[in-house]
Amino acid sequence: MNNFLFGLLVAVLTLFLVACGSDEGSSSIQADVSEGDSLSGTVVIDGSGTVFPLMAPIAEEFMITAAQNVSVEVSRAGTSAGMKKYVVGETDFANASREIKEEEMKELEANGIDSKEFKVALDGLTLVINPENDWAREMTEEEIKTMFVTGQVKGDDQVLWSDIRPEWPAERVNFYGPNENHGTYEFFVDVIIEKQDLVAGINLQQEYSTLVHLVSEDKHGIAFFGYGYYANNLDRITAVAVDFGSGPVLPSLDTIAEDGEYAPFTRPVFTNINLDAVREKPQVRAFAEYLFREGAAKFAGETGFAPLPEEELQESLEFIQALN
């Protein structure tokens, strides 16, 4: 047999053995690639600006590695604004930095939408100041709560830093925060200051990037928002260490936990998923599975969130996989 025929025979036999082989890993990989290639359409996500930095890279990675023909659109109108779209069926996912409200659940029911709320990560509400502020690097939980409530420090709400502690500058405090569209606003008002009114004159903004800029330019400013926006701007703003009774604690991926040192200011963040969309749209099911199988765990720490325990993410994945 000449060399050409021998080589041809070897090639044919090799292809035959590969095709008939029982390597489960190779079969699984091929199945995943085939399924991803067959997916198309869109996945529509809106809601929390706090959750956006987590969901956006998950969506990007999904489109690059798992489903190149699927378009995952992630917007950040804010928790409440996003929920208004979600309850009427305009979106497949609604990210939220607070739990779903009873009235929102009633709207979903009235519109015949089967929905479920899922935790995706943990966030630490963070108080930030200007780097030139070298006096308020540590504050007690009570000082923070009191200064942000109208009438608690002064009747006219013209609060000076020296009103908080006499040794601090006699300069007016400038308050900042996210506006009413955001779940962070609702969490701060409803949970942290227990549904009291915010201090008069507080500057509330839609965009978190605007809040970062304002505090970075204001020596006497103080703002609240999610840990991720602080972690991504360490060169521009400084976090306040909060004393909850056992000494000051800085928010970090190590301290943010529902039973950890920063627990009083820790909150889960969520995504609400239209389960009818999961049943009816293969691309929505595939993205939901990817989110809980690897996306949330992979990107949480990178984007300023403490990851959920693996078993919680696994339970969510199994719930999605069981839907029919």
C-alpha atoms as a PDB file:
ATOM      1  CA  MET A   1       0.000   0.000   0.000  1.00  0.00           C
ATOM      2  CA  ASN A   2       1.457   3.360  -0.976  1.00  0.00           C
ATOM      3  CA  ASN A   3       1.854   6.180   1.531  1.00  0.00           C
ATOM      4  CA  PHE A   4      -1.101   8.152   0.186  1.00  0.00           C
ATOM      5  CA  LEU A   5      -3.566   5.260   0.566  1.00  0.00           C
ATOM      6  CA  PHE A   6      -2.197   4.412   4.005  1.00  0.00           C
ATOM      7  CA  GLY A   7      -2.632   8.006   5.167  1.00  0.00           C
ATOM      8  CA  LEU A   8      -6.144   8.134   3.804  1.00  0.00           C
ATOM      9  CA  LEU A   9      -7.063   4.913   5.623  1.00  0.00           C
ATOM     10  CA  VAL A  10      -5.698   6.259   8.919  1.00  0.00           C
ATOM     11  CA  ALA A  11      -7.698   9.477   8.551  1.00  0.00           C
ATOM     12  CA  VAL A  12     -10.931   7.607   7.836  1.00  0.00           C
ATOM     13  CA  LEU A  13     -10.411   5.281  10.796  1.00  0.00           C
ATOM     14  CA  THR A  14      -9.689   8.256  13.090  1.00  0.00           C
ATOM     15  CA  LEU A  15     -12.860  10.042  12.076  1.00  0.00           C
ATOM     16  CA  PHE A  16     -14.842   6.834  12.586  1.00  0.00           C
ATOM     17  CA  LEU A  17     -13.460   6.298  16.089  1.00  0.00           C
ATOM     18  CA  VAL A  18     -14.146   9.897  17.117  1.00  0.00           C
ATOM     19  CA  ALA A  19     -17.699   9.726  15.789  1.00  0.00           C
ATOM     20  CA  CYS A  20     -18.390   6.412  17.553  1.00  0.00           C
ATOM     21  CA  GLY A  21     -16.511   7.202  20.746  1.00  0.00           C
ATOM     22  CA  SER A  22     -18.205   7.355  24.165  1.00  0.00           C
ATOM     23  CA  ASP A  23     -16.411  10.413  25.582  1.00  0.00           C
ATOM     24  CA  GLU A  24     -19.246  12.121  27.539  1.00  0.00           C
ATOM     25  CA  GLY A  25     -17.334  15.373  27.995  1.00  0.00           C
ATOM     26  CA  SER A  26     -16.950  15.877  24.283  1.00  0.00           C
ATOM     27  CA  SER A  27     -20.617  15.057  23.696  1.00  0.00           C
ATOM     28  CA  SER A  28     -21.670  17.550  26.346  1.00  0.00           C
ATOM     29  CA  ILE A  29     -19.537  20.328  24.882  1.00  0.00           C
ATOM     30  CA  GLN A  30     -20.875  19.674  21.406  1.00  0.00           C
ATOM     31  CA  ALA A  31     -24.452  19.730  22.711  1.00  0.00           C
ATOM     32  CA  ASP A  32     -23.894  23.064  24.447  1.00  0.00           C
ATOM     33  CA  VAL A  33     -22.369  24.669  21.360  1.00  0.00           C
ATOM     34  CA  SER A  34     -25.141  23.328  19.151  1.00  0.00           C
ATOM     35  CA  GLU A  35     -27.846  24.619  21.492  1.00  0.00           C
ATOM     36  CA  GLY A  36     -26.211  28.050  21.726  1.00  0.00           C
ATOM     37  CA  ASP A  37     -25.933  28.306  17.961  1.00  0.00           C
ATOM     38  CA  SER A  38     -29.614  27.509  17.583  1.00  0.00           C
ATOM     39  CA  LEU A  39     -30.768  30.261  19.952  1.00  0.00           C
ATOM     40  CA  SER A  40     -31.898  33.622  18.635  1.00  0.00           C
ATOM     41  CA  GLY A  41     -34.150  36.510  19.603  1.00  0.00           C
ATOM     42  CA  THR A  42     -33.920  39.007  22.441  1.00  0.00           C
ATOM     43  CA  VAL A  43     -33.919  39.064  26.228  1.00  0.00           C
ATOM     44  CA  VAL A  44     -35.160  42.352  27.710  1.00  0.00           C
ATOM     45  CA  ILE A  45     -33.983  43.447  31.163  1.00  0.00           C
ATOM     46  CA  ASP A  46     -34.610  46.728  32.979  1.00  0.00           C
ATOM     47  CA  GLY A  47     -34.729  48.030  36.534  1.00  0.00           C
ATOM     48  CA  SER A  48     -32.227  48.739  39.258  1.00  0.00           C
ATOM     49  CA  GLY A  49     -29.258  50.991  38.569  1.00  0.00           C
ATOM     50  CA  THR A  50     -27.524  49.296  41.495  1.00  0.00           C
ATOM     51  CA  VAL A  51     -27.864  45.838  39.927  1.00  0.00           C
ATOM     52  CA  PHE A  52     -26.948  47.078  36.425  1.00  0.00           C
ATOM     53  CA  PRO A  53     -23.133  46.781  36.893  1.00  0.00           C
ATOM     54  CA  LEU A  54     -23.640  43.113  37.802  1.00  0.00           C
ATOM     55  CA  MET A  55     -26.181  42.167  35.136  1.00  0.00           C
ATOM     56  CA  ALA A  56     -24.495  43.984  32.229  1.00  0.00           C
ATOM     57  CA  PRO A  57     -21.261  41.914  32.153  1.00  0.00           C
ATOM     58  CA  ILE A  58     -23.251  38.713  32.717  1.00  0.00           C
ATOM     59  CA  ALA A  59     -25.321  39.567  29.644  1.00  0.00           C
ATOM     60  CA  GLU A  60     -22.203  40.406  27.631  1.00  0.00           C
ATOM     61  CA  GLU A  61     -20.467  37.155  28.577  1.00  0.00           C
ATOM     62  CA  PHE A  62     -23.610  35.154  27.752  1.00  0.00           C
ATOM     63  CA  MET A  63     -23.807  36.692  24.277  1.00  0.00           C
ATOM     64  CA  ILE A  64     -20.118  36.081  23.597  1.00  0.00           C
ATOM     65  CA  THR A  65     -19.714  32.553  24.951  1.00  0.00           C
ATOM     66  CA  ALA A  66     -23.142  30.918  25.022  1.00  0.00           C
ATOM     67  CA  ALA A  67     -25.530  32.476  22.522  1.00  0.00           C
ATOM     68  CA  GLN A  68     -23.999  34.716  19.879  1.00  0.00           C
ATOM     69  CA  ASN A  69     -27.295  35.110  18.008  1.00  0.00           C
ATOM     70  CA  VAL A  70     -29.192  36.373  21.072  1.00  0.00           C
ATOM     71  CA  SER A  71     -29.414  40.056  21.986  1.00  0.00           C
ATOM     72  CA  VAL A  72     -29.625  40.688  25.739  1.00  0.00           C
ATOM     73  CA  GLU A  73     -30.724  44.276  26.338  1.00  0.00           C
ATOM     74  CA  VAL A  74     -29.950  45.570  29.847  1.00  0.00           C
ATOM     75  CA  SER A  75     -31.280  48.987  30.906  1.00  0.00           C
ATOM     76  CA  ARG A  76     -31.248  50.832  34.243  1.00  0.00           C
ATOM     77  CA  ALA A  77     -34.382  52.932  34.661  1.00  0.00           C
ATOM     78  CA  GLY A  78     -34.355  52.261  38.416  1.00  0.00           C
ATOM     79  CA  THR A  79     -36.135  49.596  40.452  1.00  0.00           C
ATOM     80  CA  SER A  80     -39.576  51.206  40.593  1.00  0.00           C
ATOM     81  CA  ALA A  81     -39.482  52.485  37.007  1.00  0.00           C
ATOM     82  CA  GLY A  82     -38.345  49.083  35.794  1.00  0.00           C
ATOM     83  CA  MET A  83     -41.098  47.337  37.713  1.00  0.00           C
ATOM     84  CA  LYS A  84     -43.714  49.516  35.992  1.00  0.00           C
ATOM     85  CA  LYS A  85     -42.585  48.076  32.670  1.00  0.00           C
ATOM     86  CA  TYR A  86     -42.274  44.550  33.997  1.00  0.00           C
ATOM     87  CA  VAL A  87     -45.747  44.234  35.521  1.00  0.00           C
ATOM     88  CA  VAL A  88     -47.357  44.928  32.147  1.00  0.00           C
ATOM     89  CA  GLY A  89     -45.165  42.414  30.316  1.00  0.00           C
ATOM     90  CA  GLU A  90     -42.767  44.795  28.564  1.00  0.00           C
ATOM     91  CA  THR A  91     -39.641  43.082  29.933  1.00  0.00           C
ATOM     92  CA  ASP A  92     -38.496  39.541  30.707  1.00  0.00           C
ATOM     93  CA  PHE A  93     -36.464  40.447  33.816  1.00  0.00           C
ATOM     94  CA  ALA A  94     -36.821  43.271  36.339  1.00  0.00           C
ATOM     95  CA  ASN A  95     -33.709  43.919  38.425  1.00  0.00           C
ATOM     96  CA  ALA A  96     -34.423  45.330  41.877  1.00  0.00           C
ATOM     97  CA  SER A  97     -32.458  46.567  44.861  1.00  0.00           C
ATOM     98  CA  ARG A  98     -35.409  45.949  47.184  1.00  0.00           C
ATOM     99  CA  GLU A  99     -38.085  43.299  47.530  1.00  0.00           C
ATOM    100  CA  ILE A 100     -41.099  43.345  45.259  1.00  0.00           C
ATOM    101  CA  LYS A 101     -44.049  45.300  46.665  1.00  0.00           C
ATOM    102  CA  GLU A 102     -47.475  43.848  47.334  1.00  0.00           C
ATOM    103  CA  GLU A 103     -49.101  46.202  44.836  1.00  0.00           C
ATOM    104  CA  GLU A 104     -46.628  45.104  42.155  1.00  0.00           C
ATOM    105  CA  MET A 105     -47.484  41.473  42.798  1.00  0.00           C
ATOM    106  CA  LYS A 106     -51.172  42.317  42.471  1.00  0.00           C
ATOM    107  CA  GLU A 107     -50.537  44.033  39.133  1.00  0.00           C
ATOM    108  CA  LEU A 108     -48.671  40.996  37.840  1.00  0.00           C
ATOM    109  CA  GLU A 109     -51.564  38.758  38.894  1.00  0.00           C
ATOM    110  CA  ALA A 110     -54.121  41.074  37.307  1.00  0.00           C
ATOM    111  CA  ASN A 111     -52.156  41.013  34.047  1.00  0.00           C
ATOM    112  CA  GLY A 112     -51.866  37.222  34.105  1.00  0.00           C
ATOM    113  CA  ILE A 113     -48.073  37.195  34.449  1.00  0.00           C
ATOM    114  CA  ASP A 114     -46.442  34.324  36.328  1.00  0.00           C
ATOM    115  CA  SER A 115     -43.410  35.801  38.069  1.00  0.00           C
ATOM    116  CA  LYS A 116     -40.840  34.924  40.710  1.00  0.00           C
ATOM    117  CA  GLU A 117     -38.322  37.026  42.632  1.00  0.00           C
ATOM    118  CA  PHE A 118     -34.766  35.651  42.894  1.00  0.00           C
ATOM    119  CA  LYS A 119     -31.787  36.855  44.919  1.00  0.00           C
ATOM    120  CA  VAL A 120     -28.695  37.374  42.762  1.00  0.00           C
ATOM    121  CA  ALA A 121     -26.106  38.874  45.170  1.00  0.00           C
ATOM    122  CA  LEU A 122     -25.577  40.898  48.349  1.00  0.00           C
ATOM    123  CA  ASP A 123     -24.919  44.640  48.455  1.00  0.00           C
ATOM    124  CA  GLY A 124     -23.778  46.943  51.223  1.00  0.00           C
ATOM    125  CA  LEU A 125     -25.409  50.363  51.485  1.00  0.00           C
ATOM    126  CA  THR A 126     -22.390  52.682  51.538  1.00  0.00           C
ATOM    127  CA  LEU A 127     -22.044  56.239  52.866  1.00  0.00           C
ATOM    128  CA  VAL A 128     -19.439  58.164  50.895  1.00  0.00           C
ATOM    129  CA  ILE A 129     -17.650  61.460  51.439  1.00  0.00           C
ATOM    130  CA  ASN A 130     -15.092  63.583  49.643  1.00  0.00           C
ATOM    131  CA  PRO A 131     -11.454  62.436  50.075  1.00  0.00           C
ATOM    132  CA  GLU A 132     -10.599  65.846  51.562  1.00  0.00           C
ATOM    133  CA  ASN A 133     -13.066  65.201  54.394  1.00  0.00           C
ATOM    134  CA  ASP A 134     -10.675  63.924  57.053  1.00  0.00           C
ATOM    135  CA  TRP A 135     -13.031  64.250  60.028  1.00  0.00           C
ATOM    136  CA  ALA A 136     -16.050  62.044  59.208  1.00  0.00           C
ATOM    137  CA  ARG A 137     -14.185  58.912  58.163  1.00  0.00           C
ATOM    138  CA  GLU A 138     -15.947  57.066  61.010  1.00  0.00           C
ATOM    139  CA  MET A 139     -19.540  57.603  62.160  1.00  0.00           C
ATOM    140  CA  THR A 140     -21.996  55.723  64.310  1.00  0.00           C
ATOM    141  CA  GLU A 141     -25.096  54.157  62.824  1.00  0.00           C
ATOM    142  CA  GLU A 142     -27.223  56.512  64.911  1.00  0.00           C
ATOM    143  CA  GLU A 143     -25.354  59.627  63.722  1.00  0.00           C
ATOM    144  CA  ILE A 144     -25.980  58.635  60.092  1.00  0.00           C
ATOM    145  CA  LYS A 145     -29.655  57.917  60.635  1.00  0.00           C
ATOM    146  CA  THR A 146     -30.223  61.123  62.596  1.00  0.00           C
ATOM    147  CA  MET A 147     -28.476  63.518  60.205  1.00  0.00           C
ATOM    148  CA  PHE A 148     -30.480  62.300  57.184  1.00  0.00           C
ATOM    149  CA  VAL A 149     -33.907  62.730  58.862  1.00  0.00           C
ATOM    150  CA  THR A 150     -35.668  66.067  58.638  1.00  0.00           C
ATOM    151  CA  GLY A 151     -35.797  68.061  61.860  1.00  0.00           C
ATOM    152  CA  GLN A 152     -33.694  65.629  63.875  1.00  0.00           C
ATOM    153  CA  VAL A 153     -30.563  67.772  64.095  1.00  0.00           C
ATOM    154  CA  LYS A 154     -32.009  71.228  63.384  1.00  0.00           C
ATOM    155  CA  GLY A 155     -35.522  72.441  62.814  1.00  0.00           C
ATOM    156  CA  ASP A 156     -34.585  74.204  59.574  1.00  0.00           C
ATOM    157  CA  ASP A 157     -32.385  71.287  58.392  1.00  0.00           C
ATOM    158  CA  GLN A 158     -29.404  73.628  57.913  1.00  0.00           C
ATOM    159  CA  VAL A 159     -27.161  70.927  59.389  1.00  0.00           C
ATOM    160  CA  LEU A 160     -23.510  71.721  60.120  1.00  0.00           C
ATOM    161  CA  TRP A 161     -20.854  69.085  60.568  1.00  0.00           C
ATOM    162  CA  SER A 162     -20.248  70.557  64.028  1.00  0.00           C
ATOM    163  CA  ASP A 163     -23.879  69.760  64.876  1.00  0.00           C
ATOM    164  CA  ILE A 164     -23.005  66.080  64.539  1.00  0.00           C
ATOM    165  CA  ARG A 165     -19.827  66.350  66.630  1.00  0.00           C
ATOM    166  CA  PRO A 166     -18.641  69.639  68.167  1.00  0.00           C
ATOM    167  CA  GLU A 167     -15.043  69.104  67.102  1.00  0.00           C
ATOM    168  CA  TRP A 168     -16.011  68.865  63.421  1.00  0.00           C
ATOM    169  CA  PRO A 169     -16.042  71.960  61.115  1.00  0.00           C
ATOM    170  CA  ALA A 170     -18.858  74.497  61.439  1.00  0.00           C
ATOM    171  CA  GLU A 171     -19.652  74.015  57.752  1.00  0.00           C
ATOM    172  CA  ARG A 172     -22.993  73.051  56.243  1.00  0.00           C
ATOM    173  CA  VAL A 173     -23.457  69.395  55.291  1.00  0.00           C
ATOM    174  CA  ASN A 174     -24.563  68.836  51.690  1.00  0.00           C
ATOM    175  CA  PHE A 175     -26.713  65.704  51.391  1.00  0.00           C
ATOM    176  CA  TYR A 176     -26.966  63.569  48.257  1.00  0.00           C
ATOM    177  CA  GLY A 177     -28.732  60.369  47.254  1.00  0.00           C
ATOM    178  CA  PRO A 178     -30.556  58.474  44.477  1.00  0.00           C
ATOM    179  CA  ASN A 179     -34.080  59.591  43.626  1.00  0.00           C
ATOM    180  CA  GLU A 180     -37.410  57.840  44.157  1.00  0.00           C
ATOM    181  CA  ASN A 181     -37.028  55.660  41.037  1.00  0.00           C
ATOM    182  CA  HIS A 182     -34.369  53.629  42.807  1.00  0.00           C
ATOM    183  CA  GLY A 183     -34.749  50.747  45.214  1.00  0.00           C
ATOM    184  CA  THR A 184     -31.734  52.115  47.077  1.00  0.00           C
ATOM    185  CA  TYR A 185     -33.755  55.229  47.919  1.00  0.00           C
ATOM    186  CA  GLU A 186     -36.624  53.043  49.130  1.00  0.00           C
ATOM    187  CA  PHE A 187     -34.300  50.796  51.138  1.00  0.00           C
ATOM    188  CA  PHE A 188     -32.692  53.789  52.821  1.00  0.00           C
ATOM    189  CA  VAL A 189     -36.011  55.487  53.615  1.00  0.00           C
ATOM    190  CA  ASP A 190     -38.062  52.402  54.506  1.00  0.00           C
ATOM    191  CA  VAL A 191     -35.434  50.332  56.322  1.00  0.00           C
ATOM    192  CA  ILE A 192     -32.535  52.514  57.432  1.00  0.00           C
ATOM    193  CA  ILE A 193     -34.449  55.618  58.621  1.00  0.00           C
ATOM    194  CA  GLU A 194     -37.675  53.669  59.190  1.00  0.00           C
ATOM    195  CA  LYS A 195     -40.015  55.582  56.851  1.00  0.00           C
ATOM    196  CA  GLN A 196     -39.206  59.031  58.197  1.00  0.00           C
ATOM    197  CA  ASP A 197     -38.820  61.999  55.850  1.00  0.00           C
ATOM    198  CA  LEU A 198     -35.405  62.797  54.433  1.00  0.00           C
ATOM    199  CA  VAL A 199     -33.675  66.020  55.404  1.00  0.00           C
ATOM    200  CA  ALA A 200     -34.947  69.026  53.445  1.00  0.00           C
ATOM    201  CA  GLY A 201     -32.732  70.155  50.579  1.00  0.00           C
ATOM    202  CA  ILE A 202     -31.180  66.751  49.893  1.00  0.00           C
ATOM    203  CA  ASN A 203     -30.005  66.550  46.284  1.00  0.00           C
ATOM    204  CA  LEU A 204     -31.569  63.422  44.750  1.00  0.00           C
ATOM    205  CA  GLN A 205     -30.302  62.199  41.382  1.00  0.00           C
ATOM    206  CA  GLN A 206     -31.307  59.588  38.789  1.00  0.00           C
ATOM    207  CA  GLU A 207     -27.759  58.627  37.782  1.00  0.00           C
ATOM    208  CA  TYR A 208     -25.306  57.149  40.267  1.00  0.00           C
ATOM    209  CA  SER A 209     -22.412  58.480  38.207  1.00  0.00           C
ATOM    210  CA  THR A 210     -23.762  61.973  38.878  1.00  0.00           C
ATOM    211  CA  LEU A 211     -23.761  61.311  42.626  1.00  0.00           C
ATOM    212  CA  VAL A 212     -20.154  60.112  42.475  1.00  0.00           C
ATOM    213  CA  HIS A 213     -19.172  63.281  40.614  1.00  0.00           C
ATOM    214  CA  LEU A 214     -21.032  65.590  43.013  1.00  0.00           C
ATOM    215  CA  VAL A 215     -19.393  64.134  46.114  1.00  0.00           C
ATOM    216  CA  SER A 216     -15.978  64.030  44.454  1.00  0.00           C
ATOM    217  CA  GLU A 217     -16.291  67.806  43.913  1.00  0.00           C
ATOM    218  CA  ASP A 218     -17.817  68.698  47.304  1.00  0.00           C
ATOM    219  CA  LYS A 219     -15.641  68.642  50.420  1.00  0.00           C
ATOM    220  CA  HIS A 220     -18.733  68.869  52.624  1.00  0.00           C
ATOM    221  CA  GLY A 221     -20.912  66.370  50.755  1.00  0.00           C
ATOM    222  CA  ILE A 222     -22.169  62.985  51.906  1.00  0.00           C
ATOM    223  CA  ALA A 223     -24.165  60.491  49.830  1.00  0.00           C
ATOM    224  CA  PHE A 224     -25.575  56.975  50.063  1.00  0.00           C
ATOM    225  CA  PHE A 225     -25.673  54.276  47.389  1.00  0.00           C
ATOM    226  CA  GLY A 226     -24.600  50.711  46.681  1.00  0.00           C
ATOM    227  CA  TYR A 227     -21.101  49.452  47.459  1.00  0.00           C
ATOM    228  CA  GLY A 228     -20.262  48.752  43.808  1.00  0.00           C
ATOM    229  CA  TYR A 229     -20.332  52.415  42.822  1.00  0.00           C
ATOM    230  CA  TYR A 230     -17.925  53.180  45.646  1.00  0.00           C
ATOM    231  CA  ALA A 231     -15.639  50.233  44.819  1.00  0.00           C
ATOM    232  CA  ASN A 232     -15.371  51.387  41.210  1.00  0.00           C
ATOM    233  CA  ASN A 233     -14.462  54.963  42.213  1.00  0.00           C
ATOM    234  CA  LEU A 234     -11.900  54.521  44.977  1.00  0.00           C
ATOM    235  CA  ASP A 235      -9.766  57.308  43.570  1.00  0.00           C
ATOM    236  CA  ARG A 236     -12.624  59.830  43.725  1.00  0.00           C
ATOM    237  CA  ILE A 237     -14.617  59.154  46.911  1.00  0.00           C
ATOM    238  CA  THR A 238     -14.104  57.729  50.400  1.00  0.00           C
ATOM    239  CA  ALA A 239     -16.344  55.332  52.333  1.00  0.00           C
ATOM    240  CA  VAL A 240     -17.468  56.049  55.880  1.00  0.00           C
ATOM    241  CA  ALA A 241     -16.721  53.281  58.377  1.00  0.00           C
ATOM    242  CA  VAL A 242     -19.907  52.664  60.357  1.00  0.00           C
ATOM    243  CA  ASP A 243     -19.922  51.798  64.040  1.00  0.00           C
ATOM    244  CA  PHE A 244     -22.903  49.529  64.710  1.00  0.00           C
ATOM    245  CA  GLY A 245     -21.938  49.153  68.362  1.00  0.00           C
ATOM    246  CA  SER A 246     -18.744  47.100  68.214  1.00  0.00           C
ATOM    247  CA  GLY A 247     -16.371  49.519  66.511  1.00  0.00           C
ATOM    248  CA  PRO A 248     -16.242  51.053  63.032  1.00  0.00           C
ATOM    249  CA  VAL A 249     -16.642  48.713  60.044  1.00  0.00           C
ATOM    250  CA  LEU A 250     -15.874  49.553  56.435  1.00  0.00           C
ATOM    251  CA  PRO A 251     -18.043  47.935  53.773  1.00  0.00           C
ATOM    252  CA  SER A 252     -16.112  45.307  51.830  1.00  0.00           C
ATOM    253  CA  LEU A 253     -16.705  41.960  50.143  1.00  0.00           C
ATOM    254  CA  ASP A 254     -15.623  40.369  53.429  1.00  0.00           C
ATOM    255  CA  THR A 255     -17.914  42.387  55.739  1.00  0.00           C
ATOM    256  CA  ILE A 256     -21.040  42.603  53.550  1.00  0.00           C
ATOM    257  CA  ALA A 257     -23.184  39.665  54.637  1.00  0.00           C
ATOM    258  CA  GLU A 258     -26.645  39.129  56.057  1.00  0.00           C
ATOM    259  CA  ASP A 259     -25.034  37.784  59.244  1.00  0.00           C
ATOM    260  CA  GLY A 260     -21.700  39.632  59.045  1.00  0.00           C
ATOM    261  CA  GLU A 261     -20.093  42.733  60.544  1.00  0.00           C
ATOM    262  CA  TYR A 262     -21.848  45.051  58.092  1.00  0.00           C
ATOM    263  CA  ALA A 263     -25.193  43.237  58.384  1.00  0.00           C
ATOM    264  CA  PRO A 264     -27.374  46.249  59.399  1.00  0.00           C
ATOM    265  CA  PHE A 265     -26.554  47.947  56.082  1.00  0.00           C
ATOM    266  CA  THR A 266     -26.452  44.728  54.003  1.00  0.00           C
ATOM    267  CA  ARG A 267     -29.293  43.897  51.640  1.00  0.00           C
ATOM    268  CA  PRO A 268     -29.887  41.271  48.981  1.00  0.00           C
ATOM    269  CA  VAL A 269     -30.416  42.464  45.428  1.00  0.00           C
ATOM    270  CA  PHE A 270     -32.833  40.710  43.121  1.00  0.00           C
ATOM    271  CA  THR A 271     -34.023  39.974  39.659  1.00  0.00           C
ATOM    272  CA  ASN A 272     -37.680  39.201  38.982  1.00  0.00           C
ATOM    273  CA  ILE A 273     -38.196  36.738  36.137  1.00  0.00           C
ATOM    274  CA  ASN A 274     -41.270  36.355  33.937  1.00  0.00           C
ATOM    275  CA  LEU A 275     -41.764  32.596  34.178  1.00  0.00           C
ATOM    276  CA  ASP A 276     -44.109  32.578  31.194  1.00  0.00           C
ATOM    277  CA  ALA A 277     -41.262  34.043  29.121  1.00  0.00           C
ATOM    278  CA  VAL A 278     -38.970  31.288  30.403  1.00  0.00           C
ATOM    279  CA  ARG A 279     -41.474  28.667  29.245  1.00  0.00           C
ATOM    280  CA  GLU A 280     -42.140  30.278  25.885  1.00  0.00           C
ATOM    281  CA  LYS A 281     -38.781  31.741  24.844  1.00  0.00           C
ATOM    282  CA  PRO A 282     -35.744  29.414  24.731  1.00  0.00           C
ATOM    283  CA  GLN A 283     -33.342  32.367  24.828  1.00  0.00           C
ATOM    284  CA  VAL A 284     -34.900  33.650  28.081  1.00  0.00           C
ATOM    285  CA  ARG A 285     -34.633  30.210  29.664  1.00  0.00           C
ATOM    286  CA  ALA A 286     -31.024  29.879  28.525  1.00  0.00           C
ATOM    287  CA  PHE A 287     -30.056  33.270  29.966  1.00  0.00           C
ATOM    288  CA  ALA A 288     -31.820  32.561  33.283  1.00  0.00           C
ATOM    289  CA  GLU A 289     -29.980  29.258  33.583  1.00  0.00           C
ATOM    290  CA  TYR A 290     -26.659  30.894  32.722  1.00  0.00           C
ATOM    291  CA  LEU A 291     -27.279  33.618  35.323  1.00  0.00           C
ATOM    292  CA  PHE A 292     -27.595  31.104  38.169  1.00  0.00           C
ATOM    293  CA  ARG A 293     -25.254  28.432  36.837  1.00  0.00           C
ATOM    294  CA  GLU A 294     -22.202  30.684  36.502  1.00  0.00           C
ATOM    295  CA  GLY A 295     -22.932  34.359  35.784  1.00  0.00           C
ATOM    296  CA  ALA A 296     -23.872  35.625  39.253  1.00  0.00           C
ATOM    297  CA  ALA A 297     -21.076  33.773  41.031  1.00  0.00           C
ATOM    298  CA  LYS A 298     -18.458  34.769  38.444  1.00  0.00           C
ATOM    299  CA  PHE A 299     -19.203  38.482  38.264  1.00  0.00           C
ATOM    300  CA  ALA A 300     -20.488  39.387  41.752  1.00  0.00           C
ATOM    301  CA  GLY A 301     -17.122  40.051  43.364  1.00  0.00           C
ATOM    302  CA  GLU A 302     -15.745  41.736  40.236  1.00  0.00           C
ATOM    303  CA  THR A 303     -18.595  44.267  40.209  1.00  0.00           C
ATOM    304  CA  GLY A 304     -18.766  45.143  43.910  1.00  0.00           C
ATOM    305  CA  PHE A 305     -21.210  42.566  45.267  1.00  0.00           C
ATOM    306  CA  ALA A 306     -20.759  39.777  47.797  1.00  0.00           C
ATOM    307  CA  PRO A 307     -21.696  36.482  46.107  1.00  0.00           C
ATOM    308  CA  LEU A 308     -24.596  34.415  47.372  1.00  0.00           C
ATOM    309  CA  PRO A 309     -23.857  30.979  48.838  1.00  0.00           C
ATOM    310  CA  GLU A 310     -23.470  28.372  46.097  1.00  0.00           C
ATOM    311  CA  GLU A 311     -26.438  26.371  47.371  1.00  0.00           C
ATOM    312  CA  GLU A 312     -28.780  29.357  46.963  1.00  0.00           C
ATOM    313  CA  LEU A 313     -27.756  29.853  43.354  1.00  0.00           C
ATOM    314  CA  GLN A 314     -28.106  26.120  42.719  1.00  0.00           C
ATOM    315  CA  GLU A 315     -31.663  26.132  44.086  1.00  0.00           C
ATOM    316  CA  SER A 316     -32.577  28.959  41.720  1.00  0.00           C
ATOM    317  CA  LEU A 317     -31.003  27.139  38.778  1.00  0.00           C
ATOM    318  CA  GLU A 318     -32.907  23.954  39.549  1.00  0.00           C
ATOM    319  CA  PHE A 319     -36.163  25.910  39.808  1.00  0.00           C
ATOM    320  CA  ILE A 320     -35.661  27.358  36.317  1.00  0.00           C
ATOM    321  CA  GLN A 321     -34.634  24.003  34.877  1.00  0.00           C
ATOM    322  CA  ALA A 322     -37.778  22.366  36.294  1.00  0.00           C
ATOM    323  CA  LEU A 323     -40.183  24.806  34.637  1.00  0.00           C
ATOM    324  CA  ASN A 324     -42.362  23.398  31.878  1.00  0.00           C
END
